[in-house]
Every structure is written in structure tokens, then in C-alpha cells.
């Protein structure tokens, strides 16, 4: 969705609000696409902060279908975003500054979907769990340990003691 900011950027003290739908039904993160199962409309506000400059703020609530990092089961992950971005008109000298440039602004228009997608990437969760006590899957047979147990030998010897074990196995004296 494209939002035209010509009036806000050209008139000092001008404020505009806008509500629009977030159009994408999937989010691409890394090499995988994740479905958006629920989404609220994007609420936006643009306030002129000086000659040719505006501050854009917005909110959106989403629910994404992600995979648990331990057991790989599907998880509905709610995400509430509150974001802010600076925009400058093409004529504004400060727009040339790479630090302040908003890459979602094309001329006097802003691509709302790109702005929201960028905010989703910034707020992507570090670890996704189906529940706090998720036991994951067996590293040997792949059984989901939340639903049952397996008979696999999961003993892993301490690698720091491997040299001592080699000495005893070789029959050498210490």
C-alpha cells in the first residue's frame, strides 16, 4: 500500500492519520516463508517536524505461524508492533544523509507494506518455543519428547576427559 505524504512534507505543522490493510499473507525470513494468520489494520500518523521533514508512527498487531525451535511443532506467535520512522522530502538537503534516509520513501510516497515488513524483521523473536518447558526431540531417533519417551542412549561423555579415557583404554599407567 502506497501512502502519499505530499501535504505533510510541504506544510509545516501538518498532521495526517491513515488506516490501511497490511497486504502480504506471508513473511520471508531467511530462506523460509511464514504465514500471517491474523492481522489488524495498520494505523499510521505523520507529523511535519520541520521544512520537508516528517515523523511517521504506526501500530499493527499480527499473528504469525512459526516453528518451535526445539520440537518443530507449529506455534501461533502474536506480534504487536509500535514503530517510528523519519521521512524527508526529495528537496530537503538532509535527505541526502544516509543516516536519516528512509528507504521506504519514494519521492513523496511511502510504501507501508515495506515499512511494516522491515519492522517485523527488526522485532523477530530470538527463540520460539511452543511452551516454556518444551523438551524438544531426541537427537538419536527424532521422537518428540513432549509426547513420549524413547529408549535411546543419550549419554554423552565429557570431552575434557577424553584423553584420560584413552590412557585407561590403552592400559598405560599414569
N, C-alpha and C. Protein backbone atom coordinates (compact mmCIF):
# COMPACT_ATOMS: atom_id res chain seq x y z
N UNK A 1 0.83 -1.17 0.00
CA UNK A 1 0.00 0.00 0.00
C UNK A 1 0.89 1.24 0.00
N UNK A 2 0.60 2.17 -0.88
CA UNK A 2 1.35 3.41 -1.00
C UNK A 2 0.55 4.54 -0.34
N UNK A 3 1.23 5.35 0.49
CA UNK A 3 0.61 6.50 1.15
C UNK A 3 1.33 7.74 0.70
N UNK A 4 0.60 8.70 0.14
CA UNK A 4 1.16 9.94 -0.36
C UNK A 4 1.32 10.93 0.78
N UNK A 5 2.56 11.41 1.00
CA UNK A 5 2.87 12.33 2.08
C UNK A 5 3.13 13.76 1.60
N UNK A 6 2.70 14.09 0.40
CA UNK A 6 2.98 15.41 -0.16
C UNK A 6 2.49 16.53 0.75
N UNK A 7 1.26 16.47 1.22
CA UNK A 7 0.70 17.52 2.07
C UNK A 7 1.47 17.66 3.38
N UNK A 8 1.81 16.54 4.00
CA UNK A 8 2.52 16.58 5.28
C UNK A 8 3.92 17.16 5.11
N UNK A 9 4.62 16.74 4.07
CA UNK A 9 6.00 17.19 3.87
C UNK A 9 6.08 18.65 3.42
N UNK A 10 5.04 19.15 2.78
CA UNK A 10 5.10 20.51 2.23
C UNK A 10 4.50 21.58 3.14
N UNK A 11 3.74 21.19 4.17
CA UNK A 11 3.09 22.18 5.04
C UNK A 11 3.55 21.99 6.48
N UNK A 12 4.26 22.98 7.02
CA UNK A 12 4.74 22.87 8.39
C UNK A 12 3.58 22.82 9.37
N UNK A 13 3.70 21.96 10.38
CA UNK A 13 2.67 21.80 11.38
C UNK A 13 1.54 20.86 10.97
N UNK A 14 1.57 20.34 9.78
CA UNK A 14 0.50 19.48 9.26
C UNK A 14 0.61 18.08 9.88
N UNK A 15 -0.54 17.50 10.21
CA UNK A 15 -0.63 16.14 10.73
C UNK A 15 -1.69 15.39 9.95
N UNK A 16 -1.38 14.13 9.58
CA UNK A 16 -2.35 13.28 8.90
C UNK A 16 -2.33 11.90 9.54
N UNK A 17 -3.49 11.28 9.57
CA UNK A 17 -3.59 9.89 10.03
C UNK A 17 -4.11 9.05 8.87
N UNK A 18 -3.77 7.78 8.92
CA UNK A 18 -4.14 6.89 7.83
C UNK A 18 -4.29 5.48 8.39
N UNK A 19 -5.30 4.77 7.93
CA UNK A 19 -5.50 3.35 8.27
C UNK A 19 -5.56 2.57 6.97
N UNK A 20 -4.80 1.48 6.94
CA UNK A 20 -4.78 0.65 5.75
C UNK A 20 -4.52 -0.80 6.14
N UNK A 21 -4.83 -1.69 5.24
CA UNK A 21 -4.58 -3.11 5.46
C UNK A 21 -3.13 -3.44 5.11
N UNK A 22 -2.55 -4.35 5.89
CA UNK A 22 -1.24 -4.91 5.56
C UNK A 22 -1.50 -6.05 4.59
N UNK A 23 -1.02 -5.93 3.38
CA UNK A 23 -1.41 -6.84 2.31
C UNK A 23 -0.71 -8.21 2.29
N UNK A 24 0.60 -8.33 2.58
CA UNK A 24 1.24 -9.64 2.47
C UNK A 24 0.63 -10.69 3.40
N UNK A 25 0.49 -11.91 2.88
CA UNK A 25 -0.04 -13.03 3.67
C UNK A 25 1.07 -13.92 4.21
N UNK A 26 2.32 -13.67 3.79
CA UNK A 26 3.47 -14.42 4.30
C UNK A 26 4.61 -13.45 4.56
N UNK A 27 5.49 -13.86 5.47
CA UNK A 27 6.69 -13.09 5.79
C UNK A 27 7.88 -13.97 5.44
N UNK A 28 8.81 -13.45 4.67
CA UNK A 28 10.01 -14.20 4.32
C UNK A 28 11.11 -13.82 5.31
N UNK A 29 11.61 -14.82 6.03
CA UNK A 29 12.70 -14.62 6.98
C UNK A 29 13.73 -15.69 6.70
N UNK A 30 14.92 -15.28 6.34
CA UNK A 30 15.95 -16.24 5.95
C UNK A 30 15.54 -16.88 4.64
N UNK A 31 15.49 -18.19 4.61
CA UNK A 31 15.12 -18.93 3.41
C UNK A 31 13.70 -19.49 3.46
N UNK A 32 12.92 -19.08 4.45
CA UNK A 32 11.61 -19.68 4.64
C UNK A 32 10.52 -18.62 4.68
N UNK A 33 9.33 -18.99 4.19
CA UNK A 33 8.16 -18.13 4.26
C UNK A 33 7.28 -18.58 5.43
N UNK A 34 6.84 -17.60 6.23
CA UNK A 34 5.99 -17.88 7.38
C UNK A 34 4.62 -17.23 7.14
N UNK A 35 3.52 -17.98 7.31
CA UNK A 35 2.19 -17.42 7.07
C UNK A 35 1.77 -16.44 8.17
N UNK A 36 1.06 -15.39 7.75
CA UNK A 36 0.44 -14.45 8.67
C UNK A 36 -1.00 -14.93 8.83
N UNK A 37 -1.36 -15.42 10.01
CA UNK A 37 -2.69 -15.99 10.21
C UNK A 37 -3.73 -14.94 10.58
N UNK A 38 -3.32 -13.90 11.30
CA UNK A 38 -4.23 -12.81 11.66
C UNK A 38 -3.47 -11.50 11.55
N UNK A 39 -4.21 -10.43 11.18
CA UNK A 39 -3.58 -9.11 11.12
C UNK A 39 -4.63 -8.04 11.29
N UNK A 40 -4.26 -7.01 12.01
CA UNK A 40 -5.14 -5.87 12.19
C UNK A 40 -4.72 -4.81 11.16
N UNK A 41 -5.57 -3.83 10.91
CA UNK A 41 -5.16 -2.75 10.01
C UNK A 41 -3.98 -1.97 10.59
N UNK A 42 -3.17 -1.41 9.72
CA UNK A 42 -2.04 -0.58 10.14
C UNK A 42 -2.58 0.82 10.42
N UNK A 43 -2.33 1.32 11.63
CA UNK A 43 -2.71 2.69 11.99
C UNK A 43 -1.46 3.56 11.90
N UNK A 44 -1.51 4.58 11.06
CA UNK A 44 -0.35 5.44 10.83
C UNK A 44 -0.67 6.89 11.13
N UNK A 45 0.34 7.62 11.53
CA UNK A 45 0.23 9.05 11.75
C UNK A 45 1.51 9.70 11.26
N UNK A 46 1.38 10.79 10.51
CA UNK A 46 2.54 11.53 10.02
C UNK A 46 2.44 12.97 10.51
N UNK A 47 3.51 13.46 11.12
CA UNK A 47 3.55 14.80 11.66
C UNK A 47 4.74 15.53 11.05
N UNK A 48 4.49 16.72 10.51
CA UNK A 48 5.56 17.53 9.95
C UNK A 48 6.41 18.04 11.11
N UNK A 49 7.73 17.80 11.04
CA UNK A 49 8.65 18.19 12.12
C UNK A 49 9.58 19.31 11.69
N UNK A 50 9.36 19.87 10.56
CA UNK A 50 10.20 20.94 10.04
C UNK A 50 10.09 20.99 8.53
N UNK A 51 10.82 21.89 7.92
CA UNK A 51 10.72 22.07 6.48
C UNK A 51 11.11 20.80 5.73
N UNK A 52 10.12 20.18 5.08
CA UNK A 52 10.37 18.98 4.27
C UNK A 52 10.63 17.72 5.06
N UNK A 53 10.31 17.72 6.36
CA UNK A 53 10.57 16.56 7.20
C UNK A 53 9.29 16.13 7.91
N UNK A 54 9.18 14.83 8.15
CA UNK A 54 8.02 14.30 8.87
C UNK A 54 8.44 13.12 9.71
N UNK A 55 7.71 12.92 10.80
CA UNK A 55 7.89 11.76 11.66
C UNK A 55 6.66 10.88 11.49
N UNK A 56 6.88 9.62 11.12
CA UNK A 56 5.79 8.68 10.89
C UNK A 56 5.79 7.67 12.03
N UNK A 57 4.62 7.49 12.65
CA UNK A 57 4.47 6.50 13.70
C UNK A 57 3.33 5.58 13.32
N UNK A 58 3.38 4.35 13.81
CA UNK A 58 2.33 3.41 13.46
C UNK A 58 2.27 2.23 14.41
N UNK A 59 1.15 1.50 14.31
CA UNK A 59 0.95 0.29 15.11
C UNK A 59 0.25 -0.76 14.25
N UNK A 60 0.54 -2.02 14.57
CA UNK A 60 -0.13 -3.15 13.93
C UNK A 60 0.00 -4.36 14.84
N UNK A 61 -1.02 -5.21 14.84
CA UNK A 61 -1.00 -6.47 15.57
C UNK A 61 -1.08 -7.60 14.55
N UNK A 62 -0.15 -8.56 14.67
CA UNK A 62 -0.08 -9.70 13.75
C UNK A 62 -0.01 -10.99 14.54
N UNK A 63 -0.40 -12.08 13.94
CA UNK A 63 -0.15 -13.41 14.46
C UNK A 63 0.50 -14.21 13.35
N UNK A 64 1.69 -14.74 13.65
CA UNK A 64 2.47 -15.50 12.68
C UNK A 64 2.46 -16.98 13.06
N UNK A 65 2.55 -17.85 12.07
CA UNK A 65 2.68 -19.29 12.28
C UNK A 65 4.16 -19.62 12.14
N UNK A 66 4.81 -19.91 13.29
CA UNK A 66 6.23 -20.20 13.32
C UNK A 66 6.45 -21.62 13.83
N UNK A 67 7.66 -22.12 13.71
CA UNK A 67 8.00 -23.46 14.19
C UNK A 67 8.78 -23.34 15.49
N UNK A 68 8.44 -24.20 16.45
CA UNK A 68 9.15 -24.24 17.73
C UNK A 68 10.62 -24.60 17.45
N UNK A 69 11.53 -23.91 18.11
CA UNK A 69 12.96 -24.15 17.90
C UNK A 69 13.44 -25.48 18.48
N UNK A 70 12.68 -26.07 19.37
CA UNK A 70 13.10 -27.33 19.98
C UNK A 70 12.41 -28.56 19.39
N UNK A 71 11.09 -28.49 19.20
CA UNK A 71 10.36 -29.69 18.75
C UNK A 71 9.79 -29.56 17.34
N UNK A 72 9.92 -28.41 16.72
CA UNK A 72 9.50 -28.13 15.34
C UNK A 72 7.99 -28.14 15.14
N UNK A 73 7.19 -28.11 16.21
CA UNK A 73 5.74 -28.03 16.08
C UNK A 73 5.34 -26.60 15.73
N UNK A 74 4.20 -26.44 15.04
CA UNK A 74 3.70 -25.12 14.69
C UNK A 74 3.27 -24.36 15.93
N UNK A 75 3.60 -23.06 15.95
CA UNK A 75 3.28 -22.19 17.07
C UNK A 75 2.65 -20.91 16.53
N UNK A 76 1.53 -20.49 17.10
CA UNK A 76 0.95 -19.19 16.76
C UNK A 76 1.66 -18.15 17.62
N UNK A 77 2.34 -17.20 16.97
CA UNK A 77 3.14 -16.21 17.69
C UNK A 77 2.55 -14.82 17.48
N UNK A 78 1.95 -14.23 18.54
CA UNK A 78 1.40 -12.86 18.39
C UNK A 78 2.52 -11.83 18.41
N UNK A 79 2.40 -10.82 17.60
CA UNK A 79 3.41 -9.78 17.49
C UNK A 79 2.70 -8.43 17.42
N UNK A 80 2.92 -7.58 18.42
CA UNK A 80 2.36 -6.23 18.44
C UNK A 80 3.50 -5.26 18.17
N UNK A 81 3.37 -4.47 17.13
CA UNK A 81 4.43 -3.56 16.74
C UNK A 81 4.00 -2.12 16.92
N UNK A 82 4.89 -1.33 17.48
CA UNK A 82 4.77 0.12 17.51
C UNK A 82 6.07 0.62 16.90
N UNK A 83 5.97 1.38 15.82
CA UNK A 83 7.18 1.78 15.13
C UNK A 83 7.16 3.26 14.80
N UNK A 84 8.35 3.75 14.44
CA UNK A 84 8.52 5.15 14.11
C UNK A 84 9.58 5.25 13.03
N UNK A 85 9.38 6.16 12.09
CA UNK A 85 10.35 6.36 11.01
C UNK A 85 10.39 7.84 10.65
N UNK A 86 11.55 8.30 10.25
CA UNK A 86 11.70 9.68 9.80
C UNK A 86 11.61 9.70 8.29
N UNK A 87 11.00 10.75 7.76
CA UNK A 87 10.89 10.90 6.31
C UNK A 87 11.29 12.33 5.95
N UNK A 88 11.92 12.47 4.80
CA UNK A 88 12.33 13.79 4.32
C UNK A 88 12.00 13.89 2.84
N UNK A 89 11.56 15.06 2.42
CA UNK A 89 11.20 15.26 1.02
C UNK A 89 12.45 15.19 0.15
N UNK A 90 12.30 14.91 -1.13
CA UNK A 90 13.46 14.82 -2.01
C UNK A 90 14.25 16.13 -2.09
N UNK A 91 13.58 17.27 -1.90
CA UNK A 91 14.26 18.55 -1.98
C UNK A 91 15.03 18.90 -0.72
N UNK A 92 14.71 18.26 0.37
CA UNK A 92 15.35 18.57 1.65
C UNK A 92 16.81 18.15 1.60
N UNK A 93 17.70 19.07 1.98
CA UNK A 93 19.13 18.78 1.93
C UNK A 93 19.52 17.64 2.87
N UNK A 94 18.80 17.50 3.98
CA UNK A 94 19.12 16.44 4.94
C UNK A 94 18.76 15.07 4.40
N UNK A 95 17.94 15.00 3.36
CA UNK A 95 17.55 13.71 2.79
C UNK A 95 18.74 12.99 2.19
N UNK A 96 19.77 13.74 1.81
CA UNK A 96 20.96 13.13 1.23
C UNK A 96 21.77 12.38 2.27
N UNK A 97 21.57 12.67 3.55
CA UNK A 97 22.29 11.99 4.62
C UNK A 97 21.82 10.54 4.69
N UNK A 98 22.75 9.61 4.59
CA UNK A 98 22.40 8.18 4.60
C UNK A 98 21.85 7.76 5.95
N UNK A 99 22.25 8.43 7.04
CA UNK A 99 21.76 8.08 8.37
C UNK A 99 20.27 8.35 8.52
N UNK A 100 19.76 9.40 7.87
CA UNK A 100 18.38 9.79 8.05
C UNK A 100 17.48 9.31 6.93
N UNK A 101 18.04 8.80 5.86
CA UNK A 101 17.23 8.40 4.72
C UNK A 101 16.36 7.20 5.06
N UNK A 102 15.09 7.29 4.71
CA UNK A 102 14.15 6.19 4.90
C UNK A 102 13.99 5.49 3.56
N UNK A 103 14.41 4.25 3.49
CA UNK A 103 14.42 3.54 2.22
C UNK A 103 13.02 3.13 1.75
N UNK A 104 11.99 3.36 2.58
CA UNK A 104 10.62 3.07 2.16
C UNK A 104 9.98 4.27 1.47
N UNK A 105 10.64 5.43 1.52
CA UNK A 105 10.11 6.65 0.93
C UNK A 105 10.59 6.76 -0.51
N UNK A 106 9.64 6.89 -1.45
CA UNK A 106 9.95 7.04 -2.87
C UNK A 106 9.31 8.35 -3.30
N UNK A 107 10.13 9.37 -3.47
CA UNK A 107 9.58 10.69 -3.76
C UNK A 107 8.82 11.19 -2.55
N UNK A 108 7.54 11.45 -2.73
CA UNK A 108 6.68 11.89 -1.63
C UNK A 108 5.76 10.78 -1.13
N UNK A 109 6.02 9.55 -1.53
CA UNK A 109 5.16 8.43 -1.16
C UNK A 109 5.94 7.42 -0.33
N UNK A 110 5.23 6.80 0.60
CA UNK A 110 5.86 5.77 1.42
C UNK A 110 5.14 4.44 1.19
N UNK A 111 5.92 3.39 1.06
CA UNK A 111 5.37 2.05 0.90
C UNK A 111 5.14 1.48 2.30
N UNK A 112 3.89 1.43 2.73
CA UNK A 112 3.52 0.99 4.08
C UNK A 112 3.89 -0.47 4.30
N UNK A 113 3.67 -1.33 3.31
CA UNK A 113 3.99 -2.75 3.46
C UNK A 113 5.48 -2.96 3.70
N UNK A 114 6.33 -2.22 2.98
CA UNK A 114 7.78 -2.34 3.20
C UNK A 114 8.18 -1.85 4.58
N UNK A 115 7.55 -0.77 5.03
CA UNK A 115 7.84 -0.23 6.36
C UNK A 115 7.48 -1.25 7.44
N UNK A 116 6.30 -1.86 7.34
CA UNK A 116 5.86 -2.85 8.33
C UNK A 116 6.73 -4.11 8.24
N UNK A 117 7.05 -4.57 7.04
CA UNK A 117 7.90 -5.76 6.88
C UNK A 117 9.27 -5.54 7.52
N UNK A 118 9.82 -4.36 7.36
CA UNK A 118 11.12 -4.05 7.97
C UNK A 118 11.01 -4.09 9.50
N UNK A 119 9.92 -3.58 10.04
CA UNK A 119 9.73 -3.60 11.49
C UNK A 119 9.54 -5.03 12.01
N UNK A 120 8.89 -5.88 11.24
CA UNK A 120 8.74 -7.28 11.64
C UNK A 120 10.11 -7.94 11.73
N UNK A 121 10.99 -7.68 10.76
CA UNK A 121 12.33 -8.27 10.79
C UNK A 121 13.14 -7.78 11.99
N UNK A 122 12.99 -6.51 12.34
CA UNK A 122 13.72 -5.96 13.49
C UNK A 122 13.21 -6.59 14.79
N UNK A 123 11.93 -6.90 14.86
CA UNK A 123 11.33 -7.44 16.07
C UNK A 123 11.14 -8.96 16.04
N UNK A 124 11.80 -9.64 15.12
CA UNK A 124 11.67 -11.09 15.01
C UNK A 124 12.19 -11.73 16.30
N UNK A 125 11.47 -12.72 16.86
CA UNK A 125 11.90 -13.33 18.13
C UNK A 125 13.19 -14.12 17.98
N UNK A 126 14.02 -14.06 19.03
CA UNK A 126 15.29 -14.80 19.02
C UNK A 126 15.05 -16.30 19.18
N UNK A 127 14.13 -16.68 20.04
CA UNK A 127 13.84 -18.09 20.27
C UNK A 127 12.33 -18.25 20.33
N UNK A 128 11.83 -19.23 19.61
CA UNK A 128 10.40 -19.50 19.55
C UNK A 128 10.17 -20.86 20.20
N UNK A 129 9.34 -20.89 21.24
CA UNK A 129 9.04 -22.15 21.93
C UNK A 129 7.54 -22.36 21.97
N UNK A 130 7.12 -23.61 21.81
CA UNK A 130 5.69 -23.93 21.89
C UNK A 130 5.19 -23.77 23.32
N UNK A 131 6.06 -24.00 24.28
CA UNK A 131 5.78 -23.79 25.70
C UNK A 131 7.13 -23.67 26.42
N UNK A 132 7.17 -23.03 27.58
CA UNK A 132 8.46 -22.80 28.25
C UNK A 132 9.21 -24.08 28.62
N UNK A 133 8.50 -25.18 28.89
CA UNK A 133 9.15 -26.42 29.28
C UNK A 133 9.25 -27.42 28.13
N UNK A 134 9.32 -26.95 26.91
CA UNK A 134 9.43 -27.83 25.74
C UNK A 134 10.69 -28.69 25.86
N UNK A 135 10.54 -29.99 25.68
CA UNK A 135 11.66 -30.92 25.82
C UNK A 135 12.36 -31.18 24.49
N UNK A 136 11.79 -30.76 23.38
CA UNK A 136 12.42 -30.93 22.08
C UNK A 136 12.26 -32.32 21.51
N UNK A 137 13.21 -32.68 20.64
CA UNK A 137 13.19 -34.00 20.01
C UNK A 137 14.45 -34.76 20.38
N UNK A 138 14.37 -36.08 20.34
CA UNK A 138 15.53 -36.94 20.62
C UNK A 138 16.56 -36.74 19.52
N UNK A 139 17.80 -36.53 19.91
CA UNK A 139 18.86 -36.31 18.91
C UNK A 139 19.26 -37.58 18.18
N UNK A 140 18.83 -38.74 18.67
CA UNK A 140 19.16 -40.01 18.03
C UNK A 140 18.06 -40.47 17.08
N UNK A 141 16.81 -40.58 17.59
CA UNK A 141 15.74 -41.14 16.78
C UNK A 141 14.71 -40.11 16.29
N UNK A 142 14.72 -38.89 16.83
CA UNK A 142 13.80 -37.85 16.38
C UNK A 142 12.43 -37.88 17.01
N UNK A 143 12.23 -38.66 18.07
CA UNK A 143 10.94 -38.71 18.75
C UNK A 143 10.66 -37.39 19.46
N UNK A 144 9.42 -36.90 19.35
CA UNK A 144 9.03 -35.69 20.07
C UNK A 144 8.94 -36.04 21.55
N UNK A 145 9.83 -35.48 22.36
CA UNK A 145 9.91 -35.83 23.77
C UNK A 145 8.79 -35.20 24.59
N UNK A 146 8.01 -34.29 24.01
CA UNK A 146 6.84 -33.73 24.70
C UNK A 146 5.68 -34.72 24.72
N UNK A 147 5.63 -35.60 23.74
CA UNK A 147 4.51 -36.55 23.64
C UNK A 147 4.86 -37.94 24.13
N UNK A 148 6.13 -38.24 24.30
CA UNK A 148 6.52 -39.57 24.75
C UNK A 148 8.01 -39.64 25.00
N UNK A 149 8.46 -40.83 25.36
CA UNK A 149 9.89 -41.04 25.60
C UNK A 149 10.40 -42.09 24.62
N UNK A 150 11.71 -42.18 24.54
CA UNK A 150 12.32 -43.20 23.68
C UNK A 150 13.35 -43.96 24.51
N UNK A 151 13.87 -45.02 23.96
CA UNK A 151 14.83 -45.87 24.67
C UNK A 151 16.26 -45.64 24.18
N UNK A 152 16.51 -44.53 23.56
CA UNK A 152 17.85 -44.25 23.01
C UNK A 152 18.84 -43.93 24.13
N UNK A 153 20.11 -44.32 23.90
CA UNK A 153 21.19 -43.99 24.83
C UNK A 153 21.64 -42.56 24.52
N UNK A 154 21.35 -41.65 25.42
CA UNK A 154 21.69 -40.25 25.18
C UNK A 154 22.89 -39.79 26.00
N UNK A 155 23.65 -40.76 26.59
CA UNK A 155 24.82 -40.41 27.38
C UNK A 155 25.89 -39.84 26.46
N UNK A 156 26.37 -38.67 26.82
CA UNK A 156 27.45 -38.02 26.08
C UNK A 156 28.60 -37.80 27.06
N UNK A 157 29.74 -38.46 26.85
CA UNK A 157 30.86 -38.29 27.79
C UNK A 157 31.44 -36.88 27.70
N UNK A 158 32.02 -36.46 28.80
CA UNK A 158 32.64 -35.13 28.86
C UNK A 158 33.88 -35.13 27.96
N UNK A 159 33.94 -34.27 26.95
CA UNK A 159 35.08 -34.28 26.02
C UNK A 159 36.39 -33.86 26.69
N UNK A 160 36.32 -33.19 27.83
CA UNK A 160 37.56 -32.79 28.52
C UNK A 160 38.26 -33.99 29.14
N UNK A 161 37.53 -35.07 29.36
CA UNK A 161 38.11 -36.27 29.97
C UNK A 161 38.46 -37.33 28.92
N UNK A 162 38.35 -37.02 27.65
CA UNK A 162 38.61 -38.00 26.59
C UNK A 162 40.06 -38.48 26.61
N UNK A 163 41.00 -37.60 26.92
CA UNK A 163 42.41 -38.01 26.96
C UNK A 163 42.65 -39.02 28.08
N UNK A 164 42.04 -38.83 29.21
CA UNK A 164 42.20 -39.76 30.33
C UNK A 164 41.58 -41.11 29.97
N UNK A 165 40.44 -41.09 29.31
CA UNK A 165 39.78 -42.32 28.90
C UNK A 165 40.68 -43.10 27.93
N UNK A 166 41.35 -42.40 27.01
CA UNK A 166 42.26 -43.06 26.08
C UNK A 166 43.43 -43.72 26.81
N UNK A 167 43.92 -43.08 27.86
CA UNK A 167 45.04 -43.66 28.63
C UNK A 167 44.60 -44.96 29.30
N UNK A 168 43.42 -44.95 29.93
CA UNK A 168 42.94 -46.15 30.60
C UNK A 168 42.61 -47.25 29.59
N UNK A 169 42.07 -46.90 28.44
CA UNK A 169 41.75 -47.89 27.43
C UNK A 169 42.99 -48.52 26.84
N UNK A 170 44.10 -47.81 26.80
CA UNK A 170 45.35 -48.33 26.24
C UNK A 170 46.14 -49.14 27.25
N UNK A 171 45.69 -49.13 28.49
CA UNK A 171 46.38 -49.92 29.53
C UNK A 171 47.64 -49.26 30.02
N UNK A 172 47.80 -48.01 29.82
CA UNK A 172 49.00 -47.31 30.27
C UNK A 172 48.83 -46.89 31.72
N UNK A 173 50.00 -46.75 32.38
CA UNK A 173 49.96 -46.27 33.75
C UNK A 173 50.11 -44.77 33.76
N UNK A 174 49.51 -44.17 34.77
CA UNK A 174 49.57 -42.71 34.86
C UNK A 174 50.69 -42.32 35.75
